[in-house]
């Protein structure tokens, strides 16, 4: 899997790829990356990449010319200058602009992007980028949440962190099976040594060695946590038929207990 990032601050990206599991994935050849400094494609000696927006308004906007040249330098074709067939010929990348105006980034989308041979990520700054770059070069606009960041690099690194770990041989497959959002549920609580911490003890079932009881306890805790923090995931899973009979039964049981407890409290 390959990542190409276009940024005004490539040092941020280089530092990220030099650490932890991602650095090991790069060393093993599972992941490739290159960072491109947009300033290298500026048109003046001062390497200017931003200017005031037409029509007025606060802040500065990233200019089209250096952005367009930077994108073309990594093999992105201007879709307004090429026909659909010409533009897609030999294309093995997906061009993404990280923007609070984009579609929400989810675990489902992370799996989809992880299947791409190459992601080209454009990192915005200031008030954003000239719309003509979006119209001419961008395949997807993606938002990592309903908030605004000053750094498109931060958003790009979130997308990278969520996708590279899904590539084959980066992380043990079993570690991905019961993570949050897998199977429509959040992850269960986990514990390690010491067995007793202050007044808190590891749940007895986890010390029992009884694998089926542990599995059921974890499933129940996943459901309880999801109902408490993200009931929308439960509703979506029920509506789409995502849950098996055992999971649906536990959901109904736990919801029934909560309803009875609420009735008693009132």
Protein backbone atom coordinates (compact mmCIF):
# COMPACT_ATOMS: atom_id res chain seq x y z
CA UNK A 1 0.00 0.00 0.00
CA UNK A 2 1.32 3.42 -0.95
CA UNK A 3 0.60 6.89 0.44
CA UNK A 4 1.52 10.13 -1.28
CA UNK A 5 0.95 13.30 0.72
CA UNK A 6 1.02 16.85 -0.58
CA UNK A 7 1.68 19.32 2.20
CA UNK A 8 3.12 22.68 3.13
CA UNK A 9 4.71 20.96 6.14
CA UNK A 10 6.09 17.58 5.01
CA UNK A 11 8.19 17.35 8.19
CA UNK A 12 5.02 16.46 10.11
CA UNK A 13 4.42 13.52 7.79
CA UNK A 14 8.01 12.31 7.76
CA UNK A 15 8.05 12.21 11.57
CA UNK A 16 4.82 10.19 11.66
CA UNK A 17 6.12 7.52 9.28
CA UNK A 18 9.30 7.17 11.32
CA UNK A 19 7.57 5.85 14.46
CA UNK A 20 6.06 2.68 15.91
CA UNK A 21 4.28 -0.04 13.91
CA UNK A 22 4.04 2.20 10.83
CA UNK A 23 7.84 2.56 10.69
CA UNK A 24 8.16 -1.23 10.86
CA UNK A 25 5.61 -1.61 8.05
CA UNK A 26 7.69 0.77 5.92
CA UNK A 27 10.91 -1.11 6.73
CA UNK A 28 9.28 -4.42 5.76
CA UNK A 29 8.05 -2.98 2.46
CA UNK A 30 4.36 -3.42 3.30
CA UNK A 31 3.76 0.33 3.25
CA UNK A 32 5.39 2.97 1.03
CA UNK A 33 5.09 6.72 1.33
CA UNK A 34 6.37 9.93 -0.15
CA UNK A 35 5.79 13.48 1.07
CA UNK A 36 5.68 16.29 -1.45
CA UNK A 37 6.31 19.91 -0.45
CA UNK A 38 3.75 22.07 -2.23
CA UNK A 39 6.04 25.09 -1.88
CA UNK A 40 8.43 23.47 -4.36
CA UNK A 41 5.82 24.19 -7.04
CA UNK A 42 5.21 27.86 -6.23
CA UNK A 43 5.55 30.38 -9.05
CA UNK A 44 7.65 33.04 -7.30
CA UNK A 45 10.94 33.26 -5.44
CA UNK A 46 9.17 33.60 -2.10
CA UNK A 47 7.45 30.25 -2.72
CA UNK A 48 4.05 31.81 -2.11
CA UNK A 49 1.21 29.27 -1.91
CA UNK A 50 -1.66 31.34 -0.50
CA UNK A 51 -3.55 34.52 -1.32
CA UNK A 52 -6.67 36.45 -0.29
CA UNK A 53 -9.98 34.97 -1.55
CA UNK A 54 -11.91 36.68 -4.33
CA UNK A 55 -15.04 38.33 -3.00
CA UNK A 56 -13.40 39.23 0.28
CA UNK A 57 -13.58 37.53 3.63
CA UNK A 58 -11.15 36.63 6.40
CA UNK A 59 -8.09 34.44 6.06
CA UNK A 60 -6.06 33.19 3.13
CA UNK A 61 -6.68 30.48 0.56
CA UNK A 62 -4.23 28.00 -0.96
CA UNK A 63 -3.60 28.91 -4.59
CA UNK A 64 -4.49 26.75 -7.57
CA UNK A 65 -1.21 26.96 -9.52
CA UNK A 66 1.21 25.35 -7.04
CA UNK A 67 -1.41 22.79 -6.02
CA UNK A 68 -2.12 21.79 -9.60
CA UNK A 69 1.56 21.41 -10.43
CA UNK A 70 2.19 19.40 -7.27
CA UNK A 71 -0.67 17.02 -8.08
CA UNK A 72 0.46 16.55 -11.68
CA UNK A 73 4.00 15.85 -10.49
CA UNK A 74 2.73 12.69 -8.74
CA UNK A 75 0.74 11.49 -11.74
CA UNK A 76 -2.71 13.01 -11.16
CA UNK A 77 -4.42 14.05 -14.38
CA UNK A 78 -6.67 17.08 -14.75
CA UNK A 79 -10.08 15.54 -15.30
CA UNK A 80 -11.28 18.65 -17.14
CA UNK A 81 -8.56 18.26 -19.77
CA UNK A 82 -8.80 14.49 -20.31
CA UNK A 83 -11.73 12.29 -21.24
CA UNK A 84 -12.86 9.71 -18.71
CA UNK A 85 -11.04 6.89 -20.50
CA UNK A 86 -7.84 8.90 -20.92
CA UNK A 87 -7.83 9.94 -17.29
CA UNK A 88 -8.49 6.44 -15.96
CA UNK A 89 -5.98 4.71 -18.26
CA UNK A 90 -3.31 3.21 -16.04
CA UNK A 91 -4.69 4.96 -12.97
CA UNK A 92 -3.97 3.13 -9.73
CA UNK A 93 -4.58 5.85 -7.17
CA UNK A 94 -7.37 7.70 -5.41
CA UNK A 95 -6.99 11.44 -4.82
CA UNK A 96 -8.44 12.69 -1.53
CA UNK A 97 -8.77 16.19 -0.15
CA UNK A 98 -9.16 16.32 3.63
CA UNK A 99 -11.89 18.85 4.38
CA UNK A 100 -14.53 19.47 7.08
CA UNK A 101 -16.97 19.72 4.16
CA UNK A 102 -16.26 16.16 3.04
CA UNK A 103 -18.19 12.96 3.64
CA UNK A 104 -17.66 11.39 7.08
CA UNK A 105 -14.71 9.07 7.56
CA UNK A 106 -15.87 5.75 9.04
CA UNK A 107 -14.40 2.31 9.67
CA UNK A 108 -16.30 1.08 6.62
CA UNK A 109 -14.67 3.75 4.48
CA UNK A 110 -11.28 2.91 6.05
CA UNK A 111 -11.66 -0.68 4.80
CA UNK A 112 -12.60 0.60 1.35
CA UNK A 113 -9.59 2.91 1.14
CA UNK A 114 -7.26 0.21 2.49
CA UNK A 115 -7.99 -1.74 -0.69
CA UNK A 116 -6.58 1.02 -2.93
CA UNK A 117 -3.05 0.56 -4.36
CA UNK A 118 -2.25 4.23 -3.62
CA UNK A 119 -3.89 7.07 -1.74
CA UNK A 120 -2.88 10.59 -2.72
CA UNK A 121 -3.81 12.89 0.16
CA UNK A 122 -3.94 16.65 -0.27
CA UNK A 123 -3.47 18.50 3.03
CA UNK A 124 -5.12 21.90 3.17
CA UNK A 125 -4.25 24.90 5.34
CA UNK A 126 -5.66 28.33 6.15
CA UNK A 127 -9.23 28.73 4.82
CA UNK A 128 -8.84 25.77 2.47
CA UNK A 129 -7.98 25.46 -1.22
CA UNK A 130 -9.12 27.02 -4.48
CA UNK A 131 -12.31 25.22 -5.59
CA UNK A 132 -10.90 24.73 -9.09
CA UNK A 133 -8.40 22.21 -7.73
CA UNK A 134 -11.27 20.18 -6.26
CA UNK A 135 -13.16 20.37 -9.54
CA UNK A 136 -10.16 19.39 -11.67
CA UNK A 137 -8.23 16.84 -9.62
CA UNK A 138 -9.99 15.48 -6.53
CA UNK A 139 -11.80 12.13 -6.42
CA UNK A 140 -13.08 12.36 -2.82
CA UNK A 141 -13.49 14.96 -0.11
CA UNK A 142 -13.31 13.34 3.33
CA UNK A 143 -13.94 14.76 6.80
CA UNK A 144 -12.66 13.07 9.96
CA UNK A 145 -15.34 14.75 12.09
CA UNK A 146 -17.72 17.64 12.57
CA UNK A 147 -15.08 20.13 13.66
CA UNK A 148 -12.48 22.34 12.01
CA UNK A 149 -8.71 21.87 12.20
CA UNK A 150 -5.96 24.27 11.21
CA UNK A 151 -3.94 21.36 9.82
CA UNK A 152 -4.93 19.12 6.94
CA UNK A 153 -1.89 17.04 7.86
CA UNK A 154 -3.55 16.00 11.11
CA UNK A 155 -6.62 14.75 9.23
CA UNK A 156 -4.47 12.95 6.66
CA UNK A 157 -2.55 11.14 9.39
CA UNK A 158 -5.84 9.95 10.90
CA UNK A 159 -6.82 8.43 7.54
CA UNK A 160 -3.40 6.80 7.22
CA UNK A 161 -3.48 5.42 10.76
CA UNK A 162 -6.92 3.91 10.23
CA UNK A 163 -6.07 2.32 6.85
CA UNK A 164 -2.46 1.08 6.94
CA UNK A 165 -3.22 -1.18 9.91
CA UNK A 166 -5.82 -2.99 7.76
CA UNK A 167 -3.22 -3.95 5.17
CA UNK A 168 -2.29 -7.61 5.17
CA UNK A 169 0.55 -8.60 7.55
CA UNK A 170 0.68 -5.28 9.42
CA UNK A 171 -1.39 -6.42 12.42
CA UNK A 172 -2.46 -9.92 13.42
CA UNK A 173 -5.93 -10.51 11.87
CA UNK A 174 -7.35 -11.74 15.19
CA UNK A 175 -6.57 -8.34 16.73
CA UNK A 176 -8.91 -6.68 14.22
CA UNK A 177 -11.89 -8.98 14.64
CA UNK A 178 -13.40 -7.57 17.85
CA UNK A 179 -12.26 -3.96 17.67
CA UNK A 180 -14.70 -1.11 18.02
CA UNK A 181 -17.09 -0.92 15.03
CA UNK A 182 -16.36 -4.47 13.90
CA UNK A 183 -19.67 -6.31 13.77
CA UNK A 184 -21.52 -3.08 14.62
CA UNK A 185 -20.37 -2.97 18.27
CA UNK A 186 -17.79 -1.16 20.36
CA UNK A 187 -14.90 -3.08 21.91
CA UNK A 188 -15.24 -4.78 25.30
CA UNK A 189 -13.26 -3.60 28.39
CA UNK A 190 -9.80 -5.13 28.75
CA UNK A 191 -7.48 -5.72 31.72
CA UNK A 192 -3.86 -6.68 32.38
CA UNK A 193 -1.60 -7.08 35.43
CA UNK A 194 -1.81 -6.44 38.33
CA UNK A 195 -4.91 -8.44 39.22
CA UNK A 196 -5.83 -5.89 41.90
CA UNK A 197 -5.32 -2.14 41.35
CA UNK A 198 -6.29 -0.07 44.37
CA UNK A 199 -9.86 -1.13 45.15
CA UNK A 200 -10.48 -2.46 41.64
CA UNK A 201 -10.15 -6.13 40.72
CA UNK A 202 -10.08 -7.87 37.35
CA UNK A 203 -13.48 -9.52 36.67
CA UNK A 204 -13.47 -13.15 37.89
CA UNK A 205 -14.62 -14.53 34.56
CA UNK A 206 -11.40 -13.38 32.90
CA UNK A 207 -9.38 -15.38 35.43
CA UNK A 208 -11.49 -18.53 35.06
CA UNK A 209 -9.85 -19.94 31.93
CA UNK A 210 -13.35 -20.86 30.64
CA UNK A 211 -13.15 -19.65 27.04
CA UNK A 212 -16.88 -19.81 26.24
CA UNK A 213 -17.84 -17.88 29.39
CA UNK A 214 -15.19 -15.28 28.56
CA UNK A 215 -16.50 -14.98 24.99
CA UNK A 216 -20.08 -14.45 26.20
CA UNK A 217 -18.97 -11.96 28.88
CA UNK A 218 -17.09 -9.96 26.26
CA UNK A 219 -20.05 -9.98 23.89
CA UNK A 220 -22.36 -8.79 26.68
CA UNK A 221 -19.94 -6.00 27.62
CA UNK A 222 -19.66 -4.93 23.98
CA UNK A 223 -23.44 -4.66 23.79
CA UNK A 224 -23.73 -2.82 27.11
CA UNK A 225 -21.05 -0.33 26.12
CA UNK A 226 -22.55 0.26 22.68
CA UNK A 227 -26.04 0.76 24.09
CA UNK A 228 -24.68 3.27 26.60
CA UNK A 229 -22.37 5.25 24.29
CA UNK A 230 -23.49 4.63 20.70
CA UNK A 231 -27.09 3.39 20.59
CA UNK A 232 -27.18 4.51 16.95
CA UNK A 233 -24.86 1.60 16.10
CA UNK A 234 -27.29 -0.85 17.70
CA UNK A 235 -30.23 0.63 15.80
CA UNK A 236 -28.29 0.48 12.54
CA UNK A 237 -27.22 -3.11 13.15
CA UNK A 238 -30.80 -4.20 13.85
CA UNK A 239 -32.16 -2.38 10.80
CA UNK A 240 -29.59 -3.94 8.47
CA UNK A 241 -29.79 -7.44 9.97
CA UNK A 242 -26.12 -7.30 10.98
CA UNK A 243 -26.45 -9.15 14.30
CA UNK A 244 -26.82 -12.92 14.70
CA UNK A 245 -29.55 -14.50 16.84
CA UNK A 246 -27.40 -14.70 19.98
CA UNK A 247 -26.41 -11.04 19.78
CA UNK A 248 -29.98 -9.91 19.12
CA UNK A 249 -31.17 -11.94 22.10
CA UNK A 250 -28.60 -10.34 24.39
CA UNK A 251 -29.50 -6.87 23.11
CA UNK A 252 -33.17 -7.46 23.90
CA UNK A 253 -32.31 -8.90 27.32
CA UNK A 254 -30.05 -5.97 28.28
CA UNK A 255 -32.54 -3.41 26.98
CA UNK A 256 -35.28 -5.12 29.00
CA UNK A 257 -33.18 -4.95 32.18
CA UNK A 258 -32.55 -1.24 31.58
CA UNK A 259 -36.25 -0.55 31.04
CA UNK A 260 -37.21 -2.41 34.24
CA UNK A 261 -34.53 -0.57 36.20
CA UNK A 262 -35.79 2.77 34.90
CA UNK A 263 -39.38 1.87 35.85
CA UNK A 264 -38.32 0.97 39.39
CA UNK A 265 -36.32 4.19 39.79
CA UNK A 266 -39.32 6.27 38.79
